[in-house]
Amino acid sequence: MPKDNAIIGWKNLPFGFYITEPGNSANFKTGDWRSQRPVLDKEKCIRCGMCYIFCPEPAYEPDDEGYFIVNLDYCKGCGICANECPKGAITMVMEEV
């Protein structure tokens, strides 16, 4: 095998674009790159919290009325919340550019 194609261990990789320490998106505002945003219809919402439970990010928080409101600083627009909502109270709309 030529030297250029040799397999090297991860500890010997040169510094570059890889994660150097563990972390999560709760420490960073990661919602800037989404193409769609969730919109809640409170008339349909039963406040079950399924959006909160299934959201892969820390994007949903309950408000004083018990509705789970998305924090767009963290929402990535994946649409899982809309898919899991049993009443169809969340729709995904395109972000304005």
PDB file of N, CA and C in Angstrom:
ATOM      1  N   MET A   1       0.847  -1.171   0.000  1.00  0.00           N
ATOM      2  CA  MET A   1       0.000   0.000   0.000  1.00  0.00           C
ATOM      3  C   MET A   1       0.896   1.239   0.000  1.00  0.00           C
ATOM      4  N   PRO A   2       0.622   2.189  -0.909  1.00  0.00           N
ATOM      5  CA  PRO A   2       1.424   3.410  -0.933  1.00  0.00           C
ATOM      6  C   PRO A   2       1.268   4.183   0.374  1.00  0.00           C
ATOM      7  N   LYS A   3       2.293   4.913   0.716  1.00  0.00           N
ATOM      8  CA  LYS A   3       2.316   5.656   1.969  1.00  0.00           C
ATOM      9  C   LYS A   3       1.169   6.670   2.073  1.00  0.00           C
ATOM     10  N   ASP A   4       0.778   7.296   0.963  1.00  0.00           N
ATOM     11  CA  ASP A   4      -0.299   8.291   0.984  1.00  0.00           C
ATOM     12  C   ASP A   4      -1.633   7.689   1.404  1.00  0.00           C
ATOM     13  N   ASN A   5      -1.846   6.416   1.127  1.00  0.00           N
ATOM     14  CA  ASN A   5      -3.109   5.760   1.441  1.00  0.00           C
ATOM     15  C   ASN A   5      -3.047   4.961   2.736  1.00  0.00           C
ATOM     16  N   ALA A   6      -1.969   5.079   3.476  1.00  0.00           N
ATOM     17  CA  ALA A   6      -1.827   4.315   4.708  1.00  0.00           C
ATOM     18  C   ALA A   6      -2.871   4.762   5.726  1.00  0.00           C
ATOM     19  N   ILE A   7      -3.351   3.816   6.493  1.00  0.00           N
ATOM     20  CA  ILE A   7      -4.316   4.121   7.542  1.00  0.00           C
ATOM     21  C   ILE A   7      -3.550   4.562   8.782  1.00  0.00           C
ATOM     22  N   ILE A   8      -3.951   5.708   9.317  1.00  0.00           N
ATOM     23  CA  ILE A   8      -3.306   6.194  10.531  1.00  0.00           C
ATOM     24  C   ILE A   8      -4.339   6.238  11.649  1.00  0.00           C
ATOM     25  N   GLY A   9      -3.914   6.116  12.857  1.00  0.00           N
ATOM     26  CA  GLY A   9      -4.825   6.159  13.992  1.00  0.00           C
ATOM     27  C   GLY A   9      -5.395   7.545  14.201  1.00  0.00           C
ATOM     28  N   TRP A  10      -6.536   7.614  14.864  1.00  0.00           N
ATOM     29  CA  TRP A  10      -7.196   8.903  15.057  1.00  0.00           C
ATOM     30  C   TRP A  10      -6.354   9.860  15.899  1.00  0.00           C
ATOM     31  N   LYS A  11      -5.535   9.314  16.783  1.00  0.00           N
ATOM     32  CA  LYS A  11      -4.690  10.179  17.611  1.00  0.00           C
ATOM     33  C   LYS A  11      -3.598  10.863  16.795  1.00  0.00           C
ATOM     34  N   ASN A  12      -3.293  10.318  15.626  1.00  0.00           N
ATOM     35  CA  ASN A  12      -2.244  10.878  14.781  1.00  0.00           C
ATOM     36  C   ASN A  12      -2.779  11.778  13.669  1.00  0.00           C
ATOM     37  N   LEU A  13      -4.093  11.985  13.637  1.00  0.00           N
ATOM     38  CA  LEU A  13      -4.670  12.856  12.615  1.00  0.00           C
ATOM     39  C   LEU A  13      -4.235  14.295  12.859  1.00  0.00           C
ATOM     40  N   PRO A  14      -3.980  15.039  11.791  1.00  0.00           N
ATOM     41  CA  PRO A  14      -3.640  16.452  11.968  1.00  0.00           C
ATOM     42  C   PRO A  14      -4.874  17.231  12.414  1.00  0.00           C
ATOM     43  N   PHE A  15      -4.656  18.326  13.118  1.00  0.00           N
ATOM     44  CA  PHE A  15      -5.758  19.158  13.575  1.00  0.00           C
ATOM     45  C   PHE A  15      -6.506  19.712  12.367  1.00  0.00           C
ATOM     46  N   GLY A  16      -7.806  19.704  12.431  1.00  0.00           N
ATOM     47  CA  GLY A  16      -8.616  20.196  11.321  1.00  0.00           C
ATOM     48  C   GLY A  16     -10.058  20.303  11.744  1.00  0.00           C
ATOM     49  N   PHE A  17     -10.955  19.954  10.853  1.00  0.00           N
ATOM     50  CA  PHE A  17     -12.376  20.074  11.120  1.00  0.00           C
ATOM     51  C   PHE A  17     -12.934  18.801  11.723  1.00  0.00           C
ATOM     52  N   TYR A  18     -12.646  18.570  12.957  1.00  0.00           N
ATOM     53  CA  TYR A  18     -13.248  17.473  13.688  1.00  0.00           C
ATOM     54  C   TYR A  18     -13.478  17.922  15.125  1.00  0.00           C
ATOM     55  N   ILE A  19     -14.337  17.227  15.810  1.00  0.00           N
ATOM     56  CA  ILE A  19     -14.707  17.621  17.166  1.00  0.00           C
ATOM     57  C   ILE A  19     -13.579  17.275  18.121  1.00  0.00           C
ATOM     58  N   THR A  20     -13.076  18.257  18.828  1.00  0.00           N
ATOM     59  CA  THR A  20     -11.957  18.038  19.742  1.00  0.00           C
ATOM     60  C   THR A  20     -12.405  17.755  21.165  1.00  0.00           C
ATOM     61  N   GLU A  21     -13.654  18.063  21.486  1.00  0.00           N
ATOM     62  CA  GLU A  21     -14.169  17.759  22.812  1.00  0.00           C
ATOM     63  C   GLU A  21     -15.679  17.591  22.725  1.00  0.00           C
ATOM     64  N   PRO A  22     -16.271  16.824  23.645  1.00  0.00           N
ATOM     65  CA  PRO A  22     -17.715  16.609  23.588  1.00  0.00           C
ATOM     66  C   PRO A  22     -18.478  17.879  23.929  1.00  0.00           C
ATOM     67  N   GLY A  23     -19.693  17.950  23.447  1.00  0.00           N
ATOM     68  CA  GLY A  23     -20.557  19.089  23.722  1.00  0.00           C
ATOM     69  C   GLY A  23     -21.919  18.816  23.130  1.00  0.00           C
ATOM     70  N   ASN A  24     -22.782  19.777  23.164  1.00  0.00           N
ATOM     71  CA  ASN A  24     -24.079  19.622  22.526  1.00  0.00           C
ATOM     72  C   ASN A  24     -24.598  20.984  22.097  1.00  0.00           C
ATOM     73  N   SER A  25     -25.665  20.953  21.345  1.00  0.00           N
ATOM     74  CA  SER A  25     -26.178  22.194  20.776  1.00  0.00           C
ATOM     75  C   SER A  25     -26.857  23.088  21.805  1.00  0.00           C
ATOM     76  N   ALA A  26     -27.067  22.598  23.024  1.00  0.00           N
ATOM     77  CA  ALA A  26     -27.656  23.447  24.056  1.00  0.00           C
ATOM     78  C   ALA A  26     -26.735  24.613  24.388  1.00  0.00           C
ATOM     79  N   ASN A  27     -25.454  24.448  24.111  1.00  0.00           N
ATOM     80  CA  ASN A  27     -24.483  25.498  24.400  1.00  0.00           C
ATOM     81  C   ASN A  27     -24.347  26.520  23.272  1.00  0.00           C
ATOM     82  N   PHE A  28     -24.987  26.259  22.134  1.00  0.00           N
ATOM     83  CA  PHE A  28     -24.818  27.114  20.959  1.00  0.00           C
ATOM     84  C   PHE A  28     -26.171  27.380  20.311  1.00  0.00           C
ATOM     85  N   LYS A  29     -26.321  28.520  19.688  1.00  0.00           N
ATOM     86  CA  LYS A  29     -27.542  28.811  18.938  1.00  0.00           C
ATOM     87  C   LYS A  29     -27.361  28.237  17.539  1.00  0.00           C
ATOM     88  N   THR A  30     -28.042  27.113  17.295  1.00  0.00           N
ATOM     89  CA  THR A  30     -27.808  26.356  16.063  1.00  0.00           C
ATOM     90  C   THR A  30     -28.967  26.434  15.076  1.00  0.00           C
ATOM     91  N   GLY A  31     -29.926  27.324  15.294  1.00  0.00           N
ATOM     92  CA  GLY A  31     -31.101  27.371  14.439  1.00  0.00           C
ATOM     93  C   GLY A  31     -30.980  28.238  13.207  1.00  0.00           C
ATOM     94  N   ASP A  32     -29.828  28.816  12.965  1.00  0.00           N
ATOM     95  CA  ASP A  32     -29.687  29.760  11.854  1.00  0.00           C
ATOM     96  C   ASP A  32     -29.744  29.141  10.466  1.00  0.00           C
ATOM     97  N   TRP A  33     -29.519  27.851  10.331  1.00  0.00           N
ATOM     98  CA  TRP A  33     -29.410  27.276   8.996  1.00  0.00           C
ATOM     99  C   TRP A  33     -30.652  26.533   8.534  1.00  0.00           C
ATOM    100  N   ARG A  34     -31.732  26.571   9.290  1.00  0.00           N
ATOM    101  CA  ARG A  34     -32.933  25.822   8.884  1.00  0.00           C
ATOM    102  C   ARG A  34     -33.581  26.472   7.660  1.00  0.00           C
ATOM    103  N   SER A  35     -34.284  25.662   6.882  1.00  0.00           N
ATOM    104  CA  SER A  35     -35.009  26.180   5.723  1.00  0.00           C
ATOM    105  C   SER A  35     -36.512  26.256   5.997  1.00  0.00           C
ATOM    106  N   GLN A  36     -36.970  25.551   7.043  1.00  0.00           N
ATOM    107  CA  GLN A  36     -38.376  25.592   7.434  1.00  0.00           C
ATOM    108  C   GLN A  36     -38.467  25.829   8.940  1.00  0.00           C
ATOM    109  N   ARG A  37     -39.601  26.394   9.354  1.00  0.00           N
ATOM    110  CA  ARG A  37     -39.830  26.602  10.785  1.00  0.00           C
ATOM    111  C   ARG A  37     -41.195  26.029  11.166  1.00  0.00           C
ATOM    112  N   PRO A  38     -41.318  25.510  12.394  1.00  0.00           N
ATOM    113  CA  PRO A  38     -42.616  25.016  12.847  1.00  0.00           C
ATOM    114  C   PRO A  38     -43.508  26.166  13.317  1.00  0.00           C
ATOM    115  N   VAL A  39     -44.787  26.071  12.981  1.00  0.00           N
ATOM    116  CA  VAL A  39     -45.774  27.061  13.419  1.00  0.00           C
ATOM    117  C   VAL A  39     -46.881  26.305  14.151  1.00  0.00           C
ATOM    118  N   LEU A  40     -47.177  26.730  15.368  1.00  0.00           N
ATOM    119  CA  LEU A  40     -48.176  26.071  16.209  1.00  0.00           C
ATOM    120  C   LEU A  40     -49.547  26.713  16.042  1.00  0.00           C
ATOM    121  N   ASP A  41     -50.564  25.864  15.835  1.00  0.00           N
ATOM    122  CA  ASP A  41     -51.958  26.303  15.830  1.00  0.00           C
ATOM    123  C   ASP A  41     -52.524  25.952  17.206  1.00  0.00           C
ATOM    124  N   LYS A  42     -52.659  26.940  18.076  1.00  0.00           N
ATOM    125  CA  LYS A  42     -53.117  26.698  19.447  1.00  0.00           C
ATOM    126  C   LYS A  42     -54.548  26.168  19.503  1.00  0.00           C
ATOM    127  N   GLU A  43     -55.334  26.419  18.458  1.00  0.00           N
ATOM    128  CA  GLU A  43     -56.709  25.904  18.408  1.00  0.00           C
ATOM    129  C   GLU A  43     -56.721  24.373  18.347  1.00  0.00           C
ATOM    130  N   LYS A  44     -55.720  23.791  17.695  1.00  0.00           N
ATOM    131  CA  LYS A  44     -55.642  22.334  17.548  1.00  0.00           C
ATOM    132  C   LYS A  44     -54.814  21.669  18.644  1.00  0.00           C
ATOM    133  N   CYS A  45     -53.938  22.425  19.270  1.00  0.00           N
ATOM    134  CA  CYS A  45     -52.979  21.871  20.231  1.00  0.00           C
ATOM    135  C   CYS A  45     -53.680  21.368  21.492  1.00  0.00           C
ATOM    136  N   ILE A  46     -53.329  20.156  21.936  1.00  0.00           N
ATOM    137  CA  ILE A  46     -53.881  19.594  23.171  1.00  0.00           C
ATOM    138  C   ILE A  46     -52.847  19.612  24.304  1.00  0.00           C
ATOM    139  N   ARG A  47     -51.715  20.257  24.071  1.00  0.00           N
ATOM    140  CA  ARG A  47     -50.658  20.425  25.077  1.00  0.00           C
ATOM    141  C   ARG A  47     -50.129  19.093  25.604  1.00  0.00           C
ATOM    142  N   CYS A  48     -49.985  18.132  24.716  1.00  0.00           N
ATOM    143  CA  CYS A  48     -49.526  16.795  25.113  1.00  0.00           C
ATOM    144  C   CYS A  48     -48.012  16.723  25.297  1.00  0.00           C
ATOM    145  N   GLY A  49     -47.278  17.645  24.683  1.00  0.00           N
ATOM    146  CA  GLY A  49     -45.826  17.666  24.823  1.00  0.00           C
ATOM    147  C   GLY A  49     -45.073  16.731  23.901  1.00  0.00           C
ATOM    148  N   MET A  50     -45.750  16.138  22.930  1.00  0.00           N
ATOM    149  CA  MET A  50     -45.051  15.226  22.011  1.00  0.00           C
ATOM    150  C   MET A  50     -43.976  15.968  21.222  1.00  0.00           C
ATOM    151  N   CYS A  51     -44.215  17.216  20.876  1.00  0.00           N
ATOM    152  CA  CYS A  51     -43.208  18.013  20.169  1.00  0.00           C
ATOM    153  C   CYS A  51     -41.955  18.151  21.033  1.00  0.00           C
ATOM    154  N   TYR A  52     -42.156  18.411  22.295  1.00  0.00           N
ATOM    155  CA  TYR A  52     -41.059  18.551  23.263  1.00  0.00           C
ATOM    156  C   TYR A  52     -40.304  17.231  23.426  1.00  0.00           C
ATOM    157  N   ILE A  53     -41.047  16.151  23.527  1.00  0.00           N
ATOM    158  CA  ILE A  53     -40.440  14.831  23.750  1.00  0.00           C
ATOM    159  C   ILE A  53     -39.603  14.395  22.556  1.00  0.00           C
ATOM    160  N   PHE A  54     -40.112  14.585  21.343  1.00  0.00           N
ATOM    161  CA  PHE A  54     -39.432  14.075  20.154  1.00  0.00           C
ATOM    162  C   PHE A  54     -38.415  15.034  19.545  1.00  0.00           C
ATOM    163  N   CYS A  55     -38.405  16.282  19.957  1.00  0.00           N
ATOM    164  CA  CYS A  55     -37.449  17.243  19.400  1.00  0.00           C
ATOM    165  C   CYS A  55     -36.023  16.807  19.734  1.00  0.00           C
ATOM    166  N   PRO A  56     -35.161  16.641  18.720  1.00  0.00           N
ATOM    167  CA  PRO A  56     -33.787  16.203  18.983  1.00  0.00           C
ATOM    168  C   PRO A  56     -32.888  17.311  19.534  1.00  0.00           C
ATOM    169  N   GLU A  57     -33.402  18.502  19.634  1.00  0.00           N
ATOM    170  CA  GLU A  57     -32.660  19.649  20.158  1.00  0.00           C
ATOM    171  C   GLU A  57     -33.407  20.216  21.363  1.00  0.00           C
ATOM    172  N   PRO A  58     -32.781  21.084  22.136  1.00  0.00           N
ATOM    173  CA  PRO A  58     -33.491  21.711  23.264  1.00  0.00           C
ATOM    174  C   PRO A  58     -34.321  22.903  22.783  1.00  0.00           C
ATOM    175  N   ALA A  59     -35.165  22.681  21.776  1.00  0.00           N
ATOM    176  CA  ALA A  59     -35.844  23.796  21.116  1.00  0.00           C
ATOM    177  C   ALA A  59     -37.226  24.112  21.682  1.00  0.00           C
ATOM    178  N   TYR A  60     -37.845  23.191  22.387  1.00  0.00           N
ATOM    179  CA  TYR A  60     -39.198  23.434  22.901  1.00  0.00           C
ATOM    180  C   TYR A  60     -39.185  23.680  24.402  1.00  0.00           C
ATOM    181  N   GLU A  61     -39.996  24.660  24.815  1.00  0.00           N
ATOM    182  CA  GLU A  61     -40.144  24.986  26.233  1.00  0.00           C
ATOM    183  C   GLU A  61     -41.619  25.265  26.507  1.00  0.00           C
ATOM    184  N   PRO A  62     -42.130  24.833  27.661  1.00  0.00           N
ATOM    185  CA  PRO A  62     -43.531  25.139  27.973  1.00  0.00           C
ATOM    186  C   PRO A  62     -43.692  26.609  28.365  1.00  0.00           C
ATOM    187  N   ASP A  63     -44.823  27.188  27.964  1.00  0.00           N
ATOM    188  CA  ASP A  63     -45.110  28.561  28.379  1.00  0.00           C
ATOM    189  C   ASP A  63     -46.049  28.534  29.590  1.00  0.00           C
ATOM    190  N   ASP A  64     -46.509  29.681  30.026  1.00  0.00           N
ATOM    191  CA  ASP A  64     -47.360  29.778  31.220  1.00  0.00           C
ATOM    192  C   ASP A  64     -48.723  29.115  31.043  1.00  0.00           C
ATOM    193  N   GLU A  65     -49.160  28.949  29.795  1.00  0.00           N
ATOM    194  CA  GLU A  65     -50.456  28.329  29.520  1.00  0.00           C
ATOM    195  C   GLU A  65     -50.342  26.825  29.281  1.00  0.00           C
ATOM    196  N   GLY A  66     -49.123  26.288  29.287  1.00  0.00           N
ATOM    197  CA  GLY A  66     -48.934  24.856  29.070  1.00  0.00           C
ATOM    198  C   GLY A  66     -48.681  24.465  27.629  1.00  0.00           C
ATOM    199  N   TYR A  67     -48.619  25.439  26.733  1.00  0.00           N
ATOM    200  CA  TYR A  67     -48.265  25.154  25.344  1.00  0.00           C
ATOM    201  C   TYR A  67     -46.749  25.017  25.255  1.00  0.00           C
ATOM    202  N   PHE A  68     -46.300  24.155  24.368  1.00  0.00           N
ATOM    203  CA  PHE A  68     -44.863  24.016  24.147  1.00  0.00           C
ATOM    204  C   PHE A  68     -44.491  24.897  22.965  1.00  0.00           C
ATOM    205  N   ILE A  69     -43.659  25.889  23.227  1.00  0.00           N
ATOM    206  CA  ILE A  69     -43.301  26.906  22.243  1.00  0.00           C
ATOM    207  C   ILE A  69     -41.877  26.660  21.767  1.00  0.00           C
ATOM    208  N   VAL A  70     -41.681  26.748  20.462  1.00  0.00           N
ATOM    209  CA  VAL A  70     -40.356  26.507  19.891  1.00  0.00           C
ATOM    210  C   VAL A  70     -39.477  27.745  20.062  1.00  0.00           C
ATOM    211  N   ASN A  71     -38.250  27.503  20.422  1.00  0.00           N
ATOM    212  CA  ASN A  71     -37.236  28.552  20.488  1.00  0.00           C
ATOM    213  C   ASN A  71     -36.444  28.461  19.186  1.00  0.00           C
ATOM    214  N   LEU A  72     -36.626  29.420  18.309  1.00  0.00           N
ATOM    215  CA  LEU A  72     -36.022  29.356  16.980  1.00  0.00           C
ATOM    216  C   LEU A  72     -34.505  29.505  16.998  1.00  0.00           C
ATOM    217  N   ASP A  73     -33.939  29.889  18.123  1.00  0.00           N
ATOM    218  CA  ASP A  73     -32.480  29.917  18.229  1.00  0.00           C
ATOM    219  C   ASP A  73     -31.893  28.509  18.136  1.00  0.00           C
ATOM    220  N   TYR A  74     -32.694  27.499  18.504  1.00  0.00           N
ATOM    221  CA  TYR A  74     -32.199  26.124  18.534  1.00  0.00           C
ATOM    222  C   TYR A  74     -32.870  25.199  17.520  1.00  0.00           C
ATOM    223  N   CYS A  75     -34.019  25.591  16.985  1.00  0.00           N
ATOM    224  CA  CYS A  75     -34.747  24.745  16.030  1.00  0.00           C
ATOM    225  C   CYS A  75     -33.978  24.633  14.719  1.00  0.00           C
ATOM    226  N   LYS A  76     -33.805  23.395  14.253  1.00  0.00           N
ATOM    227  CA  LYS A  76     -33.103  23.161  12.991  1.00  0.00           C
ATOM    228  C   LYS A  76     -34.058  22.897  11.832  1.00  0.00           C
ATOM    229  N   GLY A  77     -35.349  22.931  12.093  1.00  0.00           N
ATOM    230  CA  GLY A  77     -36.324  22.777  11.021  1.00  0.00           C
ATOM    231  C   GLY A  77     -36.474  21.368  10.502  1.00  0.00           C
ATOM    232  N   CYS A  78     -36.195  20.369  11.314  1.00  0.00           N
ATOM    233  CA  CYS A  78     -36.239  18.975  10.851  1.00  0.00           C
ATOM    234  C   CYS A  78     -37.662  18.480  10.610  1.00  0.00           C
ATOM    235  N   GLY A  79     -38.655  19.048  11.303  1.00  0.00           N
ATOM    236  CA  GLY A  79     -40.046  18.670  11.102  1.00  0.00           C
ATOM    237  C   GLY A  79     -40.518  17.480  11.915  1.00  0.00           C
ATOM    238  N   ILE A  80     -39.671  16.949  12.782  1.00  0.00           N
ATOM    239  CA  ILE A  80     -40.080  15.808  13.605  1.00  0.00           C
ATOM    240  C   ILE A  80     -41.266  16.196  14.483  1.00  0.00           C
ATOM    241  N   CYS A  81     -41.254  17.394  15.021  1.00  0.00           N
ATOM    242  CA  CYS A  81     -42.356  17.853  15.877  1.00  0.00           C
ATOM    243  C   CYS A  81     -43.684  17.816  15.120  1.00  0.00           C
ATOM    244  N   ALA A  82     -43.686  18.309  13.898  1.00  0.00           N
ATOM    245  CA  ALA A  82     -44.906  18.322  13.083  1.00  0.00           C
ATOM    246  C   ALA A  82     -45.359  16.907  12.755  1.00  0.00           C
ATOM    247  N   ASN A  83     -44.401  16.033  12.499  1.00  0.00           N
ATOM    248  CA  ASN A  83     -44.720  14.648  12.177  1.00  0.00           C
ATOM    249  C   ASN A  83     -45.313  13.909  13.375  1.00  0.00           C
ATOM    250  N   GLU A  84     -44.834  14.198  14.567  1.00  0.00           N
ATOM    251  CA  GLU A  84     -45.265  13.481  15.766  1.00  0.00           C
ATOM    252  C   GLU A  84     -46.499  14.073  16.433  1.00  0.00           C
ATOM    253  N   CYS A  85     -46.890  15.272  16.064  1.00  0.00           N
ATOM    254  CA  CYS A  85     -48.050  15.908  16.691  1.00  0.00           C
ATOM    255  C   CYS A  85     -49.322  15.120  16.365  1.00  0.00           C
ATOM    256  N   PRO A  86     -50.012  14.572  17.385  1.00  0.00           N
ATOM    257  CA  PRO A  86     -51.180  13.734  17.111  1.00  0.00           C
ATOM    258  C   PRO A  86     -52.386  14.500  16.572  1.00  0.00           C
ATOM    259  N   LYS A  87     -52.407  15.809  16.721  1.00  0.00           N
ATOM    260  CA  LYS A  87     -53.538  16.618  16.264  1.00  0.00           C
ATOM    261  C   LYS A  87     -53.223  17.467  15.042  1.00  0.00           C
ATOM    262  N   GLY A  88     -52.013  17.357  14.511  1.00  0.00           N
ATOM    263  CA  GLY A  88     -51.650  18.161  13.344  1.00  0.00           C
ATOM    264  C   GLY A  88     -51.611  19.647  13.651  1.00  0.00           C
ATOM    265  N   ALA A  89     -51.259  19.988  14.895  1.00  0.00           N
ATOM    266  CA  ALA A  89     -51.255  21.387  15.314  1.00  0.00           C
ATOM    267  C   ALA A  89     -49.996  22.130  14.889  1.00  0.00           C
ATOM    268  N   ILE A  90     -49.000  21.401  14.405  1.00  0.00           N
ATOM    269  CA  ILE A  90     -47.749  22.036  13.981  1.00  0.00           C
ATOM    270  C   ILE A  90     -47.590  21.845  12.482  1.00  0.00           C
ATOM    271  N   THR A  91     -47.386  22.942  11.783  1.00  0.00           N
ATOM    272  CA  THR A  91     -47.097  22.873  10.351  1.00  0.00           C
ATOM    273  C   THR A  91     -45.735  23.507  10.110  1.00  0.00           C
ATOM    274  N   MET A  92     -45.056  23.002   9.107  1.00  0.00           N
ATOM    275  CA  MET A  92     -43.751  23.539   8.743  1.00  0.00           C
ATOM    276  C   MET A  92     -43.947  24.525   7.596  1.00  0.00           C
ATOM    277  N   VAL A  93     -43.398  25.715   7.751  1.00  0.00           N
ATOM    278  CA  VAL A  93     -43.474  26.736   6.706  1.00  0.00           C
ATOM    279  C   VAL A  93     -42.062  27.131   6.300  1.00  0.00           C
ATOM    280  N   MET A  94     -41.910  27.518   5.048  1.00  0.00           N
ATOM    281  CA  MET A  94     -40.598  27.915   4.542  1.00  0.00           C
ATOM    282  C   MET A  94     -40.134  29.193   5.234  1.00  0.00           C
ATOM    283  N   GLU A  95     -38.858  29.234   5.541  1.00  0.00           N
ATOM    284  CA  GLU A  95     -38.256  30.440   6.114  1.00  0.00           C
ATOM    285  C   GLU A  95     -38.161  31.505   5.033  1.00  0.00           C
ATOM    286  N   GLU A  96     -38.331  32.744   5.425  1.00  0.00           N
ATOM    287  CA  GLU A  96     -38.115  33.845   4.496  1.00  0.00           C
ATOM    288  C   GLU A  96     -36.628  34.133   4.459  1.00  0.00           C
ATOM    289  N   VAL A  97     -36.121  34.373   3.269  1.00  0.00           N
ATOM    290  CA  VAL A  97     -34.688  34.597   3.127  1.00  0.00           C
ATOM    291  C   VAL A  97     -34.362  36.063   3.143  1.00  0.00           C
TER     292      VAL A  97
END
